[in-house]
Amino acid sequence: FNAKILFNILFVVLGMSGIMTFLG
C-alpha cells in the first residue's frame, strides 16, 4: 500500500505543481 501511495503522490505532485505553478 505505502509504495503505491508514495508513487501516486509523487506523480500527482509532479504534475499538479508543474501545471499550477504556471496557471496560478
mmCIF file of all heavy atoms, coordinates in Angstrom:
data_MODEL
# 
_entry.id   MODEL 
# 
loop_
_atom_site.group_PDB 
_atom_site.id 
_atom_site.type_symbol 
_atom_site.label_atom_id 
_atom_site.label_alt_id 
_atom_site.label_comp_id 
_atom_site.label_asym_id 
_atom_site.label_entity_id 
_atom_site.label_seq_id 
_atom_site.pdbx_PDB_ins_code 
_atom_site.Cartn_x 
_atom_site.Cartn_y 
_atom_site.Cartn_z 
_atom_site.occupancy 
_atom_site.B_iso_or_equiv 
_atom_site.pdbx_formal_charge 
_atom_site.auth_seq_id 
_atom_site.auth_comp_id 
_atom_site.auth_asym_id 
_atom_site.auth_atom_id 
_atom_site.pdbx_PDB_model_num 
ATOM 1   N N   . PHE A 1 1  ? 0.827  -1.204 0.000   1.00 0.00 ? 1  PHE A N   1 
ATOM 2   C CA  . PHE A 1 1  ? 0.000  0.000  0.000   1.00 0.00 ? 1  PHE A CA  1 
ATOM 3   C C   . PHE A 1 1  ? 0.864  1.259  0.000   1.00 0.00 ? 1  PHE A C   1 
ATOM 4   O O   . PHE A 1 1  ? 0.655  2.165  -0.807  1.00 0.00 ? 1  PHE A O   1 
ATOM 5   C CB  . PHE A 1 1  ? -0.920 -0.026 1.227   1.00 0.00 ? 1  PHE A CB  1 
ATOM 6   C CG  . PHE A 1 1  ? -1.753 1.208  1.387   1.00 0.00 ? 1  PHE A CG  1 
ATOM 7   C CD1 . PHE A 1 1  ? -2.942 1.346  0.688   1.00 0.00 ? 1  PHE A CD1 1 
ATOM 8   C CD2 . PHE A 1 1  ? -1.363 2.228  2.246   1.00 0.00 ? 1  PHE A CD2 1 
ATOM 9   C CE1 . PHE A 1 1  ? -3.721 2.479  0.830   1.00 0.00 ? 1  PHE A CE1 1 
ATOM 10  C CE2 . PHE A 1 1  ? -2.140 3.372  2.392   1.00 0.00 ? 1  PHE A CE2 1 
ATOM 11  C CZ  . PHE A 1 1  ? -3.321 3.499  1.682   1.00 0.00 ? 1  PHE A CZ  1 
ATOM 12  N N   . ASN A 1 2  ? 1.830  1.314  0.920   1.00 0.00 ? 2  ASN A N   1 
ATOM 13  C CA  . ASN A 1 2  ? 2.646  2.522  1.049   1.00 0.00 ? 2  ASN A CA  1 
ATOM 14  C C   . ASN A 1 2  ? 3.455  2.818  -0.212  1.00 0.00 ? 2  ASN A C   1 
ATOM 15  O O   . ASN A 1 2  ? 3.593  3.980  -0.602  1.00 0.00 ? 2  ASN A O   1 
ATOM 16  C CB  . ASN A 1 2  ? 3.573  2.431  2.263   1.00 0.00 ? 2  ASN A CB  1 
ATOM 17  C CG  . ASN A 1 2  ? 2.818  2.551  3.563   1.00 0.00 ? 2  ASN A CG  1 
ATOM 18  O OD1 . ASN A 1 2  ? 1.732  3.130  3.613   1.00 0.00 ? 2  ASN A OD1 1 
ATOM 19  N ND2 . ASN A 1 2  ? 3.367  1.991  4.623   1.00 0.00 ? 2  ASN A ND2 1 
ATOM 20  N N   . ALA A 1 3  ? 3.977  1.797  -0.860  1.00 0.00 ? 3  ALA A N   1 
ATOM 21  C CA  . ALA A 1 3  ? 4.747  2.010  -2.091  1.00 0.00 ? 3  ALA A CA  1 
ATOM 22  C C   . ALA A 1 3  ? 3.860  2.611  -3.172  1.00 0.00 ? 3  ALA A C   1 
ATOM 23  O O   . ALA A 1 3  ? 4.251  3.585  -3.839  1.00 0.00 ? 3  ALA A O   1 
ATOM 24  C CB  . ALA A 1 3  ? 5.347  0.697  -2.574  1.00 0.00 ? 3  ALA A CB  1 
ATOM 25  N N   . LYS A 1 4  ? 2.673  2.080  -3.328  1.00 0.00 ? 4  LYS A N   1 
ATOM 26  C CA  . LYS A 1 4  ? 1.770  2.587  -4.361  1.00 0.00 ? 4  LYS A CA  1 
ATOM 27  C C   . LYS A 1 4  ? 1.293  3.999  -4.031  1.00 0.00 ? 4  LYS A C   1 
ATOM 28  O O   . LYS A 1 4  ? 1.198  4.852  -4.921  1.00 0.00 ? 4  LYS A O   1 
ATOM 29  C CB  . LYS A 1 4  ? 0.600  1.634  -4.551  1.00 0.00 ? 4  LYS A CB  1 
ATOM 30  C CG  . LYS A 1 4  ? 1.040  0.342  -5.226  1.00 0.00 ? 4  LYS A CG  1 
ATOM 31  C CD  . LYS A 1 4  ? -0.098 -0.605 -5.448  1.00 0.00 ? 4  LYS A CD  1 
ATOM 32  C CE  . LYS A 1 4  ? 0.435  -1.875 -6.100  1.00 0.00 ? 4  LYS A CE  1 
ATOM 33  N NZ  . LYS A 1 4  ? -0.594 -2.816 -6.438  1.00 0.00 ? 4  LYS A NZ  1 
ATOM 34  N N   . ILE A 1 5  ? 1.004  4.260  -2.769  1.00 0.00 ? 5  ILE A N   1 
ATOM 35  C CA  . ILE A 1 5  ? 0.578  5.608  -2.361  1.00 0.00 ? 5  ILE A CA  1 
ATOM 36  C C   . ILE A 1 5  ? 1.712  6.599  -2.611  1.00 0.00 ? 5  ILE A C   1 
ATOM 37  O O   . ILE A 1 5  ? 1.482  7.706  -3.115  1.00 0.00 ? 5  ILE A O   1 
ATOM 38  C CB  . ILE A 1 5  ? 0.140  5.634  -0.879  1.00 0.00 ? 5  ILE A CB  1 
ATOM 39  C CG1 . ILE A 1 5  ? -1.226 4.979  -0.715  1.00 0.00 ? 5  ILE A CG1 1 
ATOM 40  C CG2 . ILE A 1 5  ? 0.127  7.040  -0.327  1.00 0.00 ? 5  ILE A CG2 1 
ATOM 41  C CD1 . ILE A 1 5  ? -2.384 5.748  -1.306  1.00 0.00 ? 5  ILE A CD1 1 
ATOM 42  N N   . LEU A 1 6  ? 2.943  6.237  -2.254  1.00 0.00 ? 6  LEU A N   1 
ATOM 43  C CA  . LEU A 1 6  ? 4.065  7.149  -2.467  1.00 0.00 ? 6  LEU A CA  1 
ATOM 44  C C   . LEU A 1 6  ? 4.286  7.450  -3.944  1.00 0.00 ? 6  LEU A C   1 
ATOM 45  O O   . LEU A 1 6  ? 4.540  8.602  -4.315  1.00 0.00 ? 6  LEU A O   1 
ATOM 46  C CB  . LEU A 1 6  ? 5.339  6.592  -1.831  1.00 0.00 ? 6  LEU A CB  1 
ATOM 47  C CG  . LEU A 1 6  ? 5.398  6.681  -0.310  1.00 0.00 ? 6  LEU A CG  1 
ATOM 48  C CD1 . LEU A 1 6  ? 6.609  5.942  0.223   1.00 0.00 ? 6  LEU A CD1 1 
ATOM 49  C CD2 . LEU A 1 6  ? 5.411  8.131  0.140   1.00 0.00 ? 6  LEU A CD2 1 
ATOM 50  N N   . PHE A 1 7  ? 4.189  6.432  -4.792  1.00 0.00 ? 7  PHE A N   1 
ATOM 51  C CA  . PHE A 1 7  ? 4.309  6.673  -6.231  1.00 0.00 ? 7  PHE A CA  1 
ATOM 52  C C   . PHE A 1 7  ? 3.185  7.585  -6.714  1.00 0.00 ? 7  PHE A C   1 
ATOM 53  O O   . PHE A 1 7  ? 3.407  8.506  -7.488  1.00 0.00 ? 7  PHE A O   1 
ATOM 54  C CB  . PHE A 1 7  ? 4.287  5.360  -7.026  1.00 0.00 ? 7  PHE A CB  1 
ATOM 55  C CG  . PHE A 1 7  ? 5.634  4.732  -7.199  1.00 0.00 ? 7  PHE A CG  1 
ATOM 56  C CD1 . PHE A 1 7  ? 5.829  3.397  -6.874  1.00 0.00 ? 7  PHE A CD1 1 
ATOM 57  C CD2 . PHE A 1 7  ? 6.706  5.454  -7.704  1.00 0.00 ? 7  PHE A CD2 1 
ATOM 58  C CE1 . PHE A 1 7  ? 7.064  2.797  -7.038  1.00 0.00 ? 7  PHE A CE1 1 
ATOM 59  C CE2 . PHE A 1 7  ? 7.942  4.868  -7.878  1.00 0.00 ? 7  PHE A CE2 1 
ATOM 60  C CZ  . PHE A 1 7  ? 8.127  3.531  -7.542  1.00 0.00 ? 7  PHE A CZ  1 
ATOM 61  N N   . ASN A 1 8  ? 1.967  7.318  -6.252  1.00 0.00 ? 8  ASN A N   1 
ATOM 62  C CA  . ASN A 1 8  ? 0.843  8.151  -6.654  1.00 0.00 ? 8  ASN A CA  1 
ATOM 63  C C   . ASN A 1 8  ? 1.055  9.598  -6.228  1.00 0.00 ? 8  ASN A C   1 
ATOM 64  O O   . ASN A 1 8  ? 0.846  10.522 -7.027  1.00 0.00 ? 8  ASN A O   1 
ATOM 65  C CB  . ASN A 1 8  ? -0.461 7.598  -6.071  1.00 0.00 ? 8  ASN A CB  1 
ATOM 66  C CG  . ASN A 1 8  ? -1.648 8.393  -6.539  1.00 0.00 ? 8  ASN A CG  1 
ATOM 67  O OD1 . ASN A 1 8  ? -2.050 9.373  -5.903  1.00 0.00 ? 8  ASN A OD1 1 
ATOM 68  N ND2 . ASN A 1 8  ? -2.220 7.993  -7.661  1.00 0.00 ? 8  ASN A ND2 1 
ATOM 69  N N   . ILE A 1 9  ? 1.453  9.814  -4.991  1.00 0.00 ? 9  ILE A N   1 
ATOM 70  C CA  . ILE A 1 9  ? 1.698  11.168 -4.505  1.00 0.00 ? 9  ILE A CA  1 
ATOM 71  C C   . ILE A 1 9  ? 2.783  11.838 -5.338  1.00 0.00 ? 9  ILE A C   1 
ATOM 72  O O   . ILE A 1 9  ? 2.642  12.989 -5.756  1.00 0.00 ? 9  ILE A O   1 
ATOM 73  C CB  . ILE A 1 9  ? 2.074  11.165 -3.006  1.00 0.00 ? 9  ILE A CB  1 
ATOM 74  C CG1 . ILE A 1 9  ? 0.876  10.750 -2.154  1.00 0.00 ? 9  ILE A CG1 1 
ATOM 75  C CG2 . ILE A 1 9  ? 2.592  12.530 -2.560  1.00 0.00 ? 9  ILE A CG2 1 
ATOM 76  C CD1 . ILE A 1 9  ? 1.216  10.466 -0.698  1.00 0.00 ? 9  ILE A CD1 1 
ATOM 77  N N   . LEU A 1 10 ? 3.874  11.128 -5.599  1.00 0.00 ? 10 LEU A N   1 
ATOM 78  C CA  . LEU A 1 10 ? 4.964  11.690 -6.392  1.00 0.00 ? 10 LEU A CA  1 
ATOM 79  C C   . LEU A 1 10 ? 4.475  12.162 -7.750  1.00 0.00 ? 10 LEU A C   1 
ATOM 80  O O   . LEU A 1 10 ? 4.722  13.301 -8.159  1.00 0.00 ? 10 LEU A O   1 
ATOM 81  C CB  . LEU A 1 10 ? 6.091  10.668 -6.565  1.00 0.00 ? 10 LEU A CB  1 
ATOM 82  C CG  . LEU A 1 10 ? 7.209  11.083 -7.527  1.00 0.00 ? 10 LEU A CG  1 
ATOM 83  C CD1 . LEU A 1 10 ? 7.967  12.297 -6.989  1.00 0.00 ? 10 LEU A CD1 1 
ATOM 84  C CD2 . LEU A 1 10 ? 8.141  9.921  -7.794  1.00 0.00 ? 10 LEU A CD2 1 
ATOM 85  N N   . PHE A 1 11 ? 3.744  11.310 -8.470  1.00 0.00 ? 11 PHE A N   1 
ATOM 86  C CA  . PHE A 1 11 ? 3.312  11.664 -9.817  1.00 0.00 ? 11 PHE A CA  1 
ATOM 87  C C   . PHE A 1 11 ? 2.235  12.745 -9.809  1.00 0.00 ? 11 PHE A C   1 
ATOM 88  O O   . PHE A 1 11 ? 2.236  13.621 -10.677 1.00 0.00 ? 11 PHE A O   1 
ATOM 89  C CB  . PHE A 1 11 ? 2.859  10.420 -10.582 1.00 0.00 ? 11 PHE A CB  1 
ATOM 90  C CG  . PHE A 1 11 ? 3.986  9.467  -10.849 1.00 0.00 ? 11 PHE A CG  1 
ATOM 91  C CD1 . PHE A 1 11 ? 3.910  8.147  -10.443 1.00 0.00 ? 11 PHE A CD1 1 
ATOM 92  C CD2 . PHE A 1 11 ? 5.140  9.893  -11.496 1.00 0.00 ? 11 PHE A CD2 1 
ATOM 93  C CE1 . PHE A 1 11 ? 4.956  7.265  -10.686 1.00 0.00 ? 11 PHE A CE1 1 
ATOM 94  C CE2 . PHE A 1 11 ? 6.186  9.027  -11.748 1.00 0.00 ? 11 PHE A CE2 1 
ATOM 95  C CZ  . PHE A 1 11 ? 6.093  7.709  -11.339 1.00 0.00 ? 11 PHE A CZ  1 
ATOM 96  N N   . VAL A 1 12 ? 1.336  12.706 -8.844  1.00 0.00 ? 12 VAL A N   1 
ATOM 97  C CA  . VAL A 1 12 ? 0.317  13.760 -8.753  1.00 0.00 ? 12 VAL A CA  1 
ATOM 98  C C   . VAL A 1 12 ? 0.979  15.096 -8.432  1.00 0.00 ? 12 VAL A C   1 
ATOM 99  O O   . VAL A 1 12 ? 0.679  16.120 -9.061  1.00 0.00 ? 12 VAL A O   1 
ATOM 100 C CB  . VAL A 1 12 ? -0.779 13.410 -7.724  1.00 0.00 ? 12 VAL A CB  1 
ATOM 101 C CG1 . VAL A 1 12 ? -1.643 14.625 -7.415  1.00 0.00 ? 12 VAL A CG1 1 
ATOM 102 C CG2 . VAL A 1 12 ? -1.644 12.265 -8.228  1.00 0.00 ? 12 VAL A CG2 1 
ATOM 103 N N   . VAL A 1 13 ? 1.888  15.106 -7.469  1.00 0.00 ? 13 VAL A N   1 
ATOM 104 C CA  . VAL A 1 13 ? 2.527  16.366 -7.082  1.00 0.00 ? 13 VAL A CA  1 
ATOM 105 C C   . VAL A 1 13 ? 3.407  16.895 -8.213  1.00 0.00 ? 13 VAL A C   1 
ATOM 106 O O   . VAL A 1 13 ? 3.430  18.111 -8.460  1.00 0.00 ? 13 VAL A O   1 
ATOM 107 C CB  . VAL A 1 13 ? 3.310  16.214 -5.760  1.00 0.00 ? 13 VAL A CB  1 
ATOM 108 C CG1 . VAL A 1 13 ? 4.145  17.452 -5.462  1.00 0.00 ? 13 VAL A CG1 1 
ATOM 109 C CG2 . VAL A 1 13 ? 2.352  15.953 -4.608  1.00 0.00 ? 13 VAL A CG2 1 
ATOM 110 N N   . LEU A 1 14 ? 4.118  16.030 -8.909  1.00 0.00 ? 14 LEU A N   1 
ATOM 111 C CA  . LEU A 1 14 ? 4.902  16.485 -10.068 1.00 0.00 ? 14 LEU A CA  1 
ATOM 112 C C   . LEU A 1 14 ? 4.000  17.187 -11.081 1.00 0.00 ? 14 LEU A C   1 
ATOM 113 O O   . LEU A 1 14 ? 4.297  18.302 -11.528 1.00 0.00 ? 14 LEU A O   1 
ATOM 114 C CB  . LEU A 1 14 ? 5.612  15.311 -10.744 1.00 0.00 ? 14 LEU A CB  1 
ATOM 115 C CG  . LEU A 1 14 ? 6.938  14.876 -10.157 1.00 0.00 ? 14 LEU A CG  1 
ATOM 116 C CD1 . LEU A 1 14 ? 7.368  13.535 -10.743 1.00 0.00 ? 14 LEU A CD1 1 
ATOM 117 C CD2 . LEU A 1 14 ? 8.002  15.928 -10.393 1.00 0.00 ? 14 LEU A CD2 1 
ATOM 118 N N   . GLY A 1 15 ? 2.908  16.534 -11.438 1.00 0.00 ? 15 GLY A N   1 
ATOM 119 C CA  . GLY A 1 15 ? 2.009  17.104 -12.433 1.00 0.00 ? 15 GLY A CA  1 
ATOM 120 C C   . GLY A 1 15 ? 1.290  18.351 -11.949 1.00 0.00 ? 15 GLY A C   1 
ATOM 121 O O   . GLY A 1 15 ? 1.271  19.380 -12.637 1.00 0.00 ? 15 GLY A O   1 
ATOM 122 N N   . MET A 1 16 ? 0.698  18.269 -10.768 1.00 0.00 ? 16 MET A N   1 
ATOM 123 C CA  . MET A 1 16 ? -0.085 19.402 -10.260 1.00 0.00 ? 16 MET A CA  1 
ATOM 124 C C   . MET A 1 16 ? 0.804  20.609 -9.964  1.00 0.00 ? 16 MET A C   1 
ATOM 125 O O   . MET A 1 16 ? 0.432  21.739 -10.297 1.00 0.00 ? 16 MET A O   1 
ATOM 126 C CB  . MET A 1 16 ? -0.866 19.004 -9.007  1.00 0.00 ? 16 MET A CB  1 
ATOM 127 C CG  . MET A 1 16 ? -1.984 18.020 -9.269  1.00 0.00 ? 16 MET A CG  1 
ATOM 128 S SD  . MET A 1 16 ? -3.275 18.620 -10.376 1.00 0.00 ? 16 MET A SD  1 
ATOM 129 C CE  . MET A 1 16 ? -4.032 19.858 -9.348  1.00 0.00 ? 16 MET A CE  1 
ATOM 130 N N   . SER A 1 17 ? 1.949  20.397 -9.348  1.00 0.00 ? 17 SER A N   1 
ATOM 131 C CA  . SER A 1 17 ? 2.808  21.543 -9.031  1.00 0.00 ? 17 SER A CA  1 
ATOM 132 C C   . SER A 1 17 ? 3.324  22.190 -10.309 1.00 0.00 ? 17 SER A C   1 
ATOM 133 O O   . SER A 1 17 ? 3.415  23.419 -10.397 1.00 0.00 ? 17 SER A O   1 
ATOM 134 C CB  . SER A 1 17 ? 3.965  21.130 -8.117  1.00 0.00 ? 17 SER A CB  1 
ATOM 135 O OG  . SER A 1 17 ? 4.846  20.230 -8.765  1.00 0.00 ? 17 SER A OG  1 
ATOM 136 N N   . GLY A 1 18 ? 3.636  21.380 -11.311 1.00 0.00 ? 18 GLY A N   1 
ATOM 137 C CA  . GLY A 1 18 ? 4.103  21.936 -12.578 1.00 0.00 ? 18 GLY A CA  1 
ATOM 138 C C   . GLY A 1 18 ? 3.039  22.769 -13.266 1.00 0.00 ? 18 GLY A C   1 
ATOM 139 O O   . GLY A 1 18 ? 3.290  23.907 -13.683 1.00 0.00 ? 18 GLY A O   1 
ATOM 140 N N   . ILE A 1 19 ? 1.840  22.232 -13.353 1.00 0.00 ? 19 ILE A N   1 
ATOM 141 C CA  . ILE A 1 19 ? 0.751  22.944 -14.036 1.00 0.00 ? 19 ILE A CA  1 
ATOM 142 C C   . ILE A 1 19 ? 0.295  24.152 -13.221 1.00 0.00 ? 19 ILE A C   1 
ATOM 143 O O   . ILE A 1 19 ? 0.131  25.252 -13.765 1.00 0.00 ? 19 ILE A O   1 
ATOM 144 C CB  . ILE A 1 19 ? -0.427 21.986 -14.304 1.00 0.00 ? 19 ILE A CB  1 
ATOM 145 C CG1 . ILE A 1 19 ? -0.007 20.905 -15.309 1.00 0.00 ? 19 ILE A CG1 1 
ATOM 146 C CG2 . ILE A 1 19 ? -1.647 22.761 -14.799 1.00 0.00 ? 19 ILE A CG2 1 
ATOM 147 C CD1 . ILE A 1 19 ? -0.991 19.754 -15.437 1.00 0.00 ? 19 ILE A CD1 1 
ATOM 148 N N   . MET A 1 20 ? 0.091  23.964 -11.929 1.00 0.00 ? 20 MET A N   1 
ATOM 149 C CA  . MET A 1 20 ? -0.446 25.063 -11.106 1.00 0.00 ? 20 MET A CA  1 
ATOM 150 C C   . MET A 1 20 ? 0.577  26.182 -10.913 1.00 0.00 ? 20 MET A C   1 
ATOM 151 O O   . MET A 1 20 ? 0.181  27.341 -10.756 1.00 0.00 ? 20 MET A O   1 
ATOM 152 C CB  . MET A 1 20 ? -0.945 24.533 -9.760  1.00 0.00 ? 20 MET A CB  1 
ATOM 153 C CG  . MET A 1 20 ? -2.150 23.599 -9.869  1.00 0.00 ? 20 MET A CG  1 
ATOM 154 S SD  . MET A 1 20 ? -3.597 24.302 -10.679 1.00 0.00 ? 20 MET A SD  1 
ATOM 155 C CE  . MET A 1 20 ? -4.184 25.398 -9.397  1.00 0.00 ? 20 MET A CE  1 
ATOM 156 N N   . THR A 1 21 ? 1.863  25.869 -10.941 1.00 0.00 ? 21 THR A N   1 
ATOM 157 C CA  . THR A 1 21 ? 2.873  26.927 -10.858 1.00 0.00 ? 21 THR A CA  1 
ATOM 158 C C   . THR A 1 21 ? 2.773  27.846 -12.063 1.00 0.00 ? 21 THR A C   1 
ATOM 159 O O   . THR A 1 21 ? 3.025  29.041 -11.965 1.00 0.00 ? 21 THR A O   1 
ATOM 160 C CB  . THR A 1 21 ? 4.288  26.321 -10.746 1.00 0.00 ? 21 THR A CB  1 
ATOM 161 O OG1 . THR A 1 21 ? 4.366  25.552 -9.541  1.00 0.00 ? 21 THR A OG1 1 
ATOM 162 C CG2 . THR A 1 21 ? 5.370  27.393 -10.717 1.00 0.00 ? 21 THR A CG2 1 
ATOM 163 N N   . PHE A 1 22 ? 2.374  27.296 -13.191 1.00 0.00 ? 22 PHE A N   1 
ATOM 164 C CA  . PHE A 1 22 ? 2.167  28.112 -14.388 1.00 0.00 ? 22 PHE A CA  1 
ATOM 165 C C   . PHE A 1 22 ? 0.790  28.788 -14.358 1.00 0.00 ? 22 PHE A C   1 
ATOM 166 O O   . PHE A 1 22 ? 0.672  29.988 -14.619 1.00 0.00 ? 22 PHE A O   1 
ATOM 167 C CB  . PHE A 1 22 ? 2.307  27.250 -15.640 1.00 0.00 ? 22 PHE A CB  1 
ATOM 168 C CG  . PHE A 1 22 ? 1.980  27.986 -16.905 1.00 0.00 ? 22 PHE A CG  1 
ATOM 169 C CD1 . PHE A 1 22 ? 2.890  28.880 -17.445 1.00 0.00 ? 22 PHE A CD1 1 
ATOM 170 C CD2 . PHE A 1 22 ? 0.767  27.807 -17.534 1.00 0.00 ? 22 PHE A CD2 1 
ATOM 171 C CE1 . PHE A 1 22 ? 2.596  29.587 -18.600 1.00 0.00 ? 22 PHE A CE1 1 
ATOM 172 C CE2 . PHE A 1 22 ? 0.467  28.499 -18.692 1.00 0.00 ? 22 PHE A CE2 1 
ATOM 173 C CZ  . PHE A 1 22 ? 1.375  29.389 -19.223 1.00 0.00 ? 22 PHE A CZ  1 
ATOM 174 N N   . LEU A 1 23 ? -0.262 28.027 -14.051 1.00 0.00 ? 23 LEU A N   1 
ATOM 175 C CA  . LEU A 1 23 ? -1.624 28.551 -14.138 1.00 0.00 ? 23 LEU A CA  1 
ATOM 176 C C   . LEU A 1 23 ? -1.942 29.605 -13.083 1.00 0.00 ? 23 LEU A C   1 
ATOM 177 O O   . LEU A 1 23 ? -2.686 30.541 -13.370 1.00 0.00 ? 23 LEU A O   1 
ATOM 178 C CB  . LEU A 1 23 ? -2.638 27.420 -14.005 1.00 0.00 ? 23 LEU A CB  1 
ATOM 179 C CG  . LEU A 1 23 ? -2.916 26.593 -15.229 1.00 0.00 ? 23 LEU A CG  1 
ATOM 180 C CD1 . LEU A 1 23 ? -4.000 25.560 -14.939 1.00 0.00 ? 23 LEU A CD1 1 
ATOM 181 C CD2 . LEU A 1 23 ? -3.314 27.443 -16.413 1.00 0.00 ? 23 LEU A CD2 1 
ATOM 182 N N   . GLY A 1 24 ? -1.426 29.452 -11.882 1.00 0.00 ? 24 GLY A N   1 
ATOM 183 C CA  . GLY A 1 24 ? -1.744 30.408 -10.818 1.00 0.00 ? 24 GLY A CA  1 
ATOM 184 C C   . GLY A 1 24 ? -1.482 31.841 -11.223 1.00 0.00 ? 24 GLY A C   1 
ATOM 185 O O   . GLY A 1 24 ? -2.404 32.674 -11.207 1.00 0.00 ? 24 GLY A O   1 
# 
